[in-house]
Amino acid sequence: DGEVKTPGMLQLAAGMTMLDAIASSGGFTTSGLREQVILIRNDETGLPVGHSVDLKKVAVGRESSGNVLLQPFDIVYVPRSKIANAGIWVKQYIHAMLPIRPGLSIPLYLWI
């Protein structure tokens, strides 16, 4: 779920890892935060517990232990990057409040 191209439920295949699941969902979007992908898994008591995984290191081959094998009912959530959040903030609180759209020219003279 989150910042992948086609979020949704997947059929769990034997040996499927977090990166496999993300690839099966179309991969990361440009706004996906690869350094803090969240794996939510139920603990022994049945309560959901979240773990942050740096899949950027896994993807470039610097670390393989972070590419966790998935279990039934696991949730993989790719959060939005900080710069993407900032872009949304600018769109909602700056662009939306301007009396004119950015990029439009403002006439420097008035005809009277």
Protein backbone atom coordinates (compact mmCIF):
# COMPACT_ATOMS: atom_id res chain seq x y z
CA ASP A 1 0.00 0.00 0.00
CA GLY A 2 1.04 3.61 -0.13
CA GLU A 3 3.40 4.99 -2.75
CA VAL A 4 3.40 2.06 -5.18
CA LYS A 5 1.94 2.22 -8.67
CA THR A 6 -0.93 -0.24 -8.10
CA PRO A 7 -1.64 -0.70 -4.38
CA GLY A 8 -3.81 -3.59 -3.32
CA MET A 9 -3.84 -7.15 -2.10
CA LEU A 10 -1.47 -9.69 -3.62
CA GLN A 11 -1.47 -13.47 -3.72
CA LEU A 12 1.45 -14.48 -1.46
CA ALA A 13 3.87 -16.72 -3.35
CA ALA A 14 6.42 -18.95 -1.66
CA GLY A 15 9.60 -17.01 -0.95
CA MET A 16 8.04 -13.59 -1.69
CA THR A 17 10.00 -10.72 -0.18
CA MET A 18 9.09 -7.11 0.45
CA LEU A 19 10.82 -6.03 -2.78
CA ASP A 20 9.01 -8.79 -4.70
CA ALA A 21 5.66 -7.53 -3.41
CA ILE A 22 6.50 -3.94 -4.34
CA ALA A 23 7.63 -5.03 -7.81
CA SER A 24 4.38 -7.00 -8.22
CA SER A 25 2.52 -3.78 -7.38
CA GLY A 26 4.22 -1.90 -10.20
CA GLY A 27 7.19 -0.63 -8.20
CA PHE A 28 7.73 2.54 -6.21
CA THR A 29 6.18 5.80 -7.36
CA THR A 30 8.55 8.75 -7.70
CA SER A 31 7.30 10.03 -4.35
CA GLY A 32 7.86 6.76 -2.46
CA LEU A 33 10.25 6.81 0.51
CA ARG A 34 12.43 3.76 -0.08
CA GLU A 35 14.47 4.28 3.10
CA GLN A 36 11.59 3.75 5.53
CA VAL A 37 9.23 1.13 4.11
CA ILE A 38 6.96 -0.15 6.87
CA LEU A 39 6.26 -3.84 7.40
CA ILE A 40 3.22 -4.42 9.61
CA ARG A 41 2.98 -7.94 11.01
CA ASN A 42 0.93 -9.44 13.82
CA ASP A 43 2.97 -10.51 16.84
CA GLU A 44 2.45 -13.67 18.91
CA THR A 45 -0.56 -12.12 20.66
CA GLY A 46 -2.18 -11.06 17.37
CA LEU A 47 -1.46 -7.35 17.74
CA PRO A 48 -0.05 -5.52 14.70
CA VAL A 49 3.53 -4.31 15.04
CA GLY A 50 5.31 -2.06 12.53
CA HIS A 51 8.96 -2.26 11.54
CA SER A 52 10.83 0.21 9.34
CA VAL A 53 13.01 -1.32 6.61
CA ASP A 54 15.53 0.49 4.39
CA LEU A 55 14.77 -1.04 1.00
CA LYS A 56 16.98 1.50 -0.80
CA LYS A 57 20.07 -0.27 0.59
CA VAL A 58 18.58 -3.64 -0.37
CA ALA A 59 17.78 -2.49 -3.92
CA VAL A 60 21.33 -1.28 -4.59
CA GLY A 61 22.86 -4.44 -3.12
CA ARG A 62 24.42 -2.94 0.02
CA GLU A 63 22.25 -4.99 2.36
CA SER A 64 20.31 -8.19 1.87
CA SER A 65 19.03 -8.84 5.40
CA GLY A 66 16.41 -6.10 5.09
CA ASN A 67 14.55 -7.84 2.28
CA VAL A 68 12.23 -9.69 4.64
CA LEU A 69 10.31 -12.80 3.59
CA LEU A 70 6.61 -12.06 3.80
CA GLN A 71 4.07 -14.04 5.78
CA PRO A 72 0.30 -14.30 5.34
CA PHE A 73 -1.52 -11.10 6.37
CA ASP A 74 1.64 -8.93 6.33
CA ILE A 75 1.17 -5.34 5.17
CA VAL A 76 3.90 -3.51 3.28
CA TYR A 77 3.39 0.25 3.32
CA VAL A 78 5.55 2.68 1.33
CA PRO A 79 5.25 6.16 2.86
CA ARG A 80 5.49 9.41 0.91
CA SER A 81 8.90 11.13 0.90
CA LYS A 82 9.42 14.39 2.76
CA ILE A 83 9.87 16.34 -0.45
CA ALA A 84 6.58 14.93 -1.79
CA ASN A 85 4.85 16.01 1.43
CA ALA A 86 6.35 19.48 1.02
CA GLY A 87 5.09 19.62 -2.57
CA ILE A 88 1.57 18.76 -1.44
CA TRP A 89 1.76 21.39 1.29
CA VAL A 90 2.82 24.04 -1.23
CA LYS A 91 0.01 23.04 -3.57
CA GLN A 92 -2.64 23.12 -0.82
CA TYR A 93 -1.52 26.15 1.18
CA ILE A 94 0.30 28.37 -1.30
CA HIS A 95 -1.01 27.73 -4.82
CA ALA A 96 -4.61 27.26 -3.69
CA MET A 97 -4.58 30.60 -1.85
CA LEU A 98 -3.06 32.72 -4.62
CA PRO A 99 -5.50 35.03 -6.39
CA ILE A 100 -3.93 34.05 -9.73
CA ARG A 101 -2.40 30.83 -10.94
CA PRO A 102 1.41 30.65 -10.84
CA GLY A 103 2.89 31.10 -14.30
CA LEU A 104 0.30 33.57 -15.56
CA SER A 105 1.66 36.92 -16.60
CA ILE A 106 0.40 39.99 -14.82
CA PRO A 107 -0.09 43.04 -17.04
CA LEU A 108 2.28 45.85 -16.16
CA TYR A 109 -0.07 48.55 -17.42
CA LEU A 110 -3.77 49.23 -17.42
CA TRP A 111 -5.79 50.76 -20.23
CA ILE A 112 -7.95 53.56 -19.02
